[in-house]
Amino acid sequence: MTSRAVVFDLDGTLAVPNRDRRTLLAEAIETTDAPPVSRSEYLDAHGQVVAGETRTPIFERLLTDGAPSPDAVARAYREAVNDALEPVDGVETLLEDLTDGPGYRIGVLTDGPSLAERIKLDRLGWTERFDATLVTGELE
């Protein structure tokens, strides 16, 4: 059987942030003047809630009264992550070679909330790049 398509994961395969998640979290906290939150605290809270389309429930667990709104911090964190996302070196050439050379159809499968993953694809300029896109956050 001859392969006719290649499907890639997005995060950590085709694109990676140019700064670590600890730094991105710190940037979101600083941008919103929220009290310090460690990456460990964030991950603990993340494991205790169903975040869905937004990380707001995570920040609701982490921030006390008087802090910036959890929604504002969640938006700032999403923006920091999205702004830091870059294609892995050589990915653009690989995708072109696959479609131009042997003529493979290419797809992307990404695990995450629909809004966040669609924004990533848009920021990378890849909204129309793939023959098929599946975001698990869009599944029931």
C-alpha atoms as a PDB file:
ATOM      1  CA  MET A   1       0.000   0.000   0.000  1.00  0.00           C
ATOM      2  CA  THR A   2       1.329   3.421  -0.925  1.00  0.00           C
ATOM      3  CA  SER A   3       1.000   6.278   1.544  1.00  0.00           C
ATOM      4  CA  ARG A   4      -0.934   9.230   0.220  1.00  0.00           C
ATOM      5  CA  ALA A   5      -1.147  11.441   3.276  1.00  0.00           C
ATOM      6  CA  VAL A   6       0.929  12.516   6.238  1.00  0.00           C
ATOM      7  CA  VAL A   7      -0.593  13.839   9.458  1.00  0.00           C
ATOM      8  CA  PHE A   8       1.362  15.876  11.978  1.00  0.00           C
ATOM      9  CA  ASP A   9       0.861  16.983  15.552  1.00  0.00           C
ATOM     10  CA  LEU A  10       1.035  20.767  15.977  1.00  0.00           C
ATOM     11  CA  ASP A  11       2.407  21.625  19.418  1.00  0.00           C
ATOM     12  CA  GLY A  12       5.925  20.400  20.000  1.00  0.00           C
ATOM     13  CA  THR A  13       6.161  18.813  16.555  1.00  0.00           C
ATOM     14  CA  LEU A  14       5.531  21.442  13.885  1.00  0.00           C
ATOM     15  CA  ALA A  15       5.789  24.482  16.154  1.00  0.00           C
ATOM     16  CA  VAL A  16       7.371  25.245  19.521  1.00  0.00           C
ATOM     17  CA  PRO A  17       7.444  28.320  21.752  1.00  0.00           C
ATOM     18  CA  ASN A  18      10.676  30.291  21.661  1.00  0.00           C
ATOM     19  CA  ARG A  19      10.542  30.653  25.465  1.00  0.00           C
ATOM     20  CA  ASP A  20       9.787  28.041  28.117  1.00  0.00           C
ATOM     21  CA  ARG A  21       6.337  27.831  29.725  1.00  0.00           C
ATOM     22  CA  ARG A  22       7.658  29.075  33.060  1.00  0.00           C
ATOM     23  CA  THR A  23       8.776  32.304  31.381  1.00  0.00           C
ATOM     24  CA  LEU A  24       5.518  32.657  29.449  1.00  0.00           C
ATOM     25  CA  LEU A  25       3.508  32.252  32.652  1.00  0.00           C
ATOM     26  CA  ALA A  26       5.677  34.851  34.385  1.00  0.00           C
ATOM     27  CA  GLU A  27       5.128  37.246  31.471  1.00  0.00           C
ATOM     28  CA  ALA A  28       1.341  36.853  31.726  1.00  0.00           C
ATOM     29  CA  ILE A  29       1.461  37.400  35.482  1.00  0.00           C
ATOM     30  CA  GLU A  30       3.616  40.509  35.069  1.00  0.00           C
ATOM     31  CA  THR A  31       1.471  41.897  32.233  1.00  0.00           C
ATOM     32  CA  THR A  32      -1.666  41.706  34.376  1.00  0.00           C
ATOM     33  CA  ASP A  33      -0.020  42.720  37.686  1.00  0.00           C
ATOM     34  CA  ALA A  34      -1.211  39.469  39.237  1.00  0.00           C
ATOM     35  CA  PRO A  35       0.524  38.036  42.299  1.00  0.00           C
ATOM     36  CA  PRO A  36       3.303  35.531  41.534  1.00  0.00           C
ATOM     37  CA  VAL A  37       2.242  32.040  40.452  1.00  0.00           C
ATOM     38  CA  SER A  38       4.830  29.309  39.989  1.00  0.00           C
ATOM     39  CA  ARG A  39       4.711  26.862  37.110  1.00  0.00           C
ATOM     40  CA  SER A  40       4.290  24.087  39.684  1.00  0.00           C
ATOM     41  CA  GLU A  41       1.254  25.814  41.218  1.00  0.00           C
ATOM     42  CA  TYR A  42      -0.170  26.333  37.738  1.00  0.00           C
ATOM     43  CA  LEU A  43       0.263  22.658  36.821  1.00  0.00           C
ATOM     44  CA  ASP A  44      -1.293  21.541  40.117  1.00  0.00           C
ATOM     45  CA  ALA A  45      -4.333  23.755  39.521  1.00  0.00           C
ATOM     46  CA  HIS A  46      -4.505  22.638  35.879  1.00  0.00           C
ATOM     47  CA  GLY A  47      -4.782  19.033  37.037  1.00  0.00           C
ATOM     48  CA  GLN A  48      -7.688  19.880  39.343  1.00  0.00           C
ATOM     49  CA  VAL A  49     -10.032  21.575  36.880  1.00  0.00           C
ATOM     50  CA  VAL A  50     -11.516  21.031  33.458  1.00  0.00           C
ATOM     51  CA  ALA A  51     -10.238  24.043  31.588  1.00  0.00           C
ATOM     52  CA  GLY A  52     -12.282  23.696  28.403  1.00  0.00           C
ATOM     53  CA  GLU A  53     -11.891  26.584  25.954  1.00  0.00           C
ATOM     54  CA  THR A  54     -10.111  28.838  28.419  1.00  0.00           C
ATOM     55  CA  ARG A  55      -7.600  28.609  31.233  1.00  0.00           C
ATOM     56  CA  THR A  56      -9.780  30.901  33.356  1.00  0.00           C
ATOM     57  CA  PRO A  57     -10.816  28.102  35.780  1.00  0.00           C
ATOM     58  CA  ILE A  58      -7.133  27.430  36.461  1.00  0.00           C
ATOM     59  CA  PHE A  59      -6.475  31.039  37.377  1.00  0.00           C
ATOM     60  CA  GLU A  60      -9.680  31.161  39.435  1.00  0.00           C
ATOM     61  CA  ARG A  61      -8.054  28.548  41.699  1.00  0.00           C
ATOM     62  CA  LEU A  62      -4.772  30.434  41.859  1.00  0.00           C
ATOM     63  CA  LEU A  63      -5.768  34.067  42.326  1.00  0.00           C
ATOM     64  CA  THR A  64      -7.261  35.558  45.463  1.00  0.00           C
ATOM     65  CA  ASP A  65      -9.775  38.378  45.770  1.00  0.00           C
ATOM     66  CA  GLY A  66      -8.383  41.710  44.712  1.00  0.00           C
ATOM     67  CA  ALA A  67      -6.145  40.191  42.061  1.00  0.00           C
ATOM     68  CA  PRO A  68      -6.730  40.896  38.368  1.00  0.00           C
ATOM     69  CA  SER A  69      -9.577  38.901  36.900  1.00  0.00           C
ATOM     70  CA  PRO A  70      -8.728  35.259  36.229  1.00  0.00           C
ATOM     71  CA  ASP A  71     -10.072  35.759  32.717  1.00  0.00           C
ATOM     72  CA  ALA A  72      -7.593  38.607  32.072  1.00  0.00           C
ATOM     73  CA  VAL A  73      -4.678  36.473  33.261  1.00  0.00           C
ATOM     74  CA  ALA A  74      -5.862  33.512  31.171  1.00  0.00           C
ATOM     75  CA  ARG A  75      -6.061  35.749  28.079  1.00  0.00           C
ATOM     76  CA  ALA A  76      -2.591  37.181  28.774  1.00  0.00           C
ATOM     77  CA  TYR A  77      -1.162  33.665  29.142  1.00  0.00           C
ATOM     78  CA  ARG A  78      -2.785  32.513  25.886  1.00  0.00           C
ATOM     79  CA  GLU A  79      -1.378  35.594  24.137  1.00  0.00           C
ATOM     80  CA  ALA A  80       2.105  34.975  25.547  1.00  0.00           C
ATOM     81  CA  VAL A  81       2.049  31.357  24.357  1.00  0.00           C
ATOM     82  CA  ASN A  82       0.699  32.276  20.925  1.00  0.00           C
ATOM     83  CA  ASP A  83       3.166  35.124  20.445  1.00  0.00           C
ATOM     84  CA  ALA A  84       6.074  32.811  21.318  1.00  0.00           C
ATOM     85  CA  LEU A  85       5.063  30.034  18.903  1.00  0.00           C
ATOM     86  CA  GLU A  86       7.403  29.484  15.957  1.00  0.00           C
ATOM     87  CA  PRO A  87       7.679  26.788  13.305  1.00  0.00           C
ATOM     88  CA  VAL A  88      10.402  24.223  13.972  1.00  0.00           C
ATOM     89  CA  ASP A  89      13.399  24.831  11.706  1.00  0.00           C
ATOM     90  CA  GLY A  90      12.826  23.210   8.340  1.00  0.00           C
ATOM     91  CA  VAL A  91       9.094  22.553   8.786  1.00  0.00           C
ATOM     92  CA  GLU A  92       7.970  24.922   6.049  1.00  0.00           C
ATOM     93  CA  THR A  93      10.360  23.277   3.575  1.00  0.00           C
ATOM     94  CA  LEU A  94       9.265  19.796   4.674  1.00  0.00           C
ATOM     95  CA  LEU A  95       5.587  20.617   4.162  1.00  0.00           C
ATOM     96  CA  GLU A  96       6.310  22.099   0.729  1.00  0.00           C
ATOM     97  CA  ASP A  97       8.448  19.112  -0.251  1.00  0.00           C
ATOM     98  CA  LEU A  98       5.717  16.667   0.761  1.00  0.00           C
ATOM     99  CA  THR A  99       3.027  18.416  -1.245  1.00  0.00           C
ATOM    100  CA  ASP A 100       5.086  19.544  -4.231  1.00  0.00           C
ATOM    101  CA  GLY A 101       7.267  16.444  -4.682  1.00  0.00           C
ATOM    102  CA  PRO A 102       5.373  13.208  -4.175  1.00  0.00           C
ATOM    103  CA  GLY A 103       2.080  15.088  -3.835  1.00  0.00           C
ATOM    104  CA  TYR A 104       1.051  13.905  -0.394  1.00  0.00           C
ATOM    105  CA  ARG A 105      -2.010  15.357   1.250  1.00  0.00           C
ATOM    106  CA  ILE A 106      -1.022  16.757   4.632  1.00  0.00           C
ATOM    107  CA  GLY A 107      -3.020  17.138   7.801  1.00  0.00           C
ATOM    108  CA  VAL A 108      -2.624  18.396  11.316  1.00  0.00           C
ATOM    109  CA  LEU A 109      -4.075  16.826  14.453  1.00  0.00           C
ATOM    110  CA  THR A 110      -3.829  18.980  17.531  1.00  0.00           C
ATOM    111  CA  ASP A 111      -4.932  18.322  21.075  1.00  0.00           C
ATOM    112  CA  GLY A 112      -6.360  21.323  22.819  1.00  0.00           C
ATOM    113  CA  PRO A 113      -9.147  23.838  23.050  1.00  0.00           C
ATOM    114  CA  SER A 114     -10.532  24.860  19.669  1.00  0.00           C
ATOM    115  CA  LEU A 115     -10.026  28.594  20.149  1.00  0.00           C
ATOM    116  CA  ALA A 116      -6.406  28.276  21.291  1.00  0.00           C
ATOM    117  CA  GLU A 117      -5.413  25.825  18.562  1.00  0.00           C
ATOM    118  CA  ARG A 118      -7.169  27.738  15.775  1.00  0.00           C
ATOM    119  CA  ILE A 119      -5.444  30.961  16.884  1.00  0.00           C
ATOM    120  CA  LYS A 120      -2.070  29.173  16.779  1.00  0.00           C
ATOM    121  CA  LEU A 121      -2.710  27.986  13.215  1.00  0.00           C
ATOM    122  CA  ASP A 122      -3.767  31.492  12.218  1.00  0.00           C
ATOM    123  CA  ARG A 123      -0.730  33.154  13.817  1.00  0.00           C
ATOM    124  CA  LEU A 124       1.567  30.711  12.060  1.00  0.00           C
ATOM    125  CA  GLY A 125      -0.177  31.467   8.755  1.00  0.00           C
ATOM    126  CA  TRP A 126      -1.267  27.846   8.465  1.00  0.00           C
ATOM    127  CA  THR A 127      -5.062  28.161   8.521  1.00  0.00           C
ATOM    128  CA  GLU A 128      -5.249  27.083   4.878  1.00  0.00           C
ATOM    129  CA  ARG A 129      -1.933  25.173   4.772  1.00  0.00           C
ATOM    130  CA  PHE A 130      -3.303  21.706   5.495  1.00  0.00           C
ATOM    131  CA  ASP A 131      -5.696  19.537   3.549  1.00  0.00           C
ATOM    132  CA  ALA A 132      -7.307  18.501   6.816  1.00  0.00           C
ATOM    133  CA  THR A 133      -7.225  19.902  10.343  1.00  0.00           C
ATOM    134  CA  LEU A 134      -8.595  18.158  13.407  1.00  0.00           C
ATOM    135  CA  VAL A 135      -8.686  19.937  16.760  1.00  0.00           C
ATOM    136  CA  THR A 136      -9.694  17.578  19.569  1.00  0.00           C
ATOM    137  CA  GLY A 137     -11.408  20.417  21.428  1.00  0.00           C
ATOM    138  CA  GLU A 138     -13.992  20.405  18.651  1.00  0.00           C
ATOM    139  CA  LEU A 139     -14.954  16.788  19.314  1.00  0.00           C
ATOM    140  CA  GLU A 140     -17.736  15.784  21.692  1.00  0.00           C
END
